[in-house]
């Protein structure tokens, strides 16, 4: 089997900070499980904001992007990798603008269904609150783009202290490296088809699934609605009488 390729993205301008430390823990662990890893420091690249071409013409949002900047280099790396581990600091309950710019520009991959099936994990570091909000946001976005998020593929350190003194954060980050590698191995071995089927509606129609559900719910509505309306009416009458 080909070596698993994992791309680590350090979204902090501080190459020595807690975000980078936990990302290195995850990638070093992935290497123990025979993965090949690469790390990029996002602030080394010029990534301009998305122009929103998709809203004018959907098929115009594709590679190469109309923006001639460093984002194209990163997008190509994402295309060539099997999995992503994104590590980010928390800027006001969310990711910094540099990472948000990259995510918006990744629409070129999502729109052409190029990122589908890639495995992803998230690490967030915050001085105060907001780590889980940031993780939840990134997981939602990546999953919507077609990425697979395995169980326990998240870690966070919510403190200004050295993350390498936080045993739980280290344990969680290390497990991201392990889980991402093992999940990617499983997927590459057992899954060959595309995940999202844009034509699945035809399958439902051919099997009368929509029609059958409509009939079922209409019957349930008929059997239940009268009782529900009666209960609501009685409740309103009691409220008025009081």
Foldseek 3Di string as FASTA:
>chain_A
DDAAEEEEEQADPDCPAQLVVLLVLLQVLLVVVVHHYDYDYLVVWDFDADPPCCVVPVVQLAPPHPDPTCLVVVLVVLLVHQEYEYGAEDDPLEGDPSVVRSLRNCVNCLSVLSNAAREYAYEYEYQADRRVSHRVVVVVSSVSSHYDYDPLRYAYHHHRDRVVVVVRRSVSSNVNNVVNNVVSVVCVVPPDDTDDDPPCVVVCVVVCVVVVVVVVVVVVCVVPVVVVVVVVVVVVVVVVVD
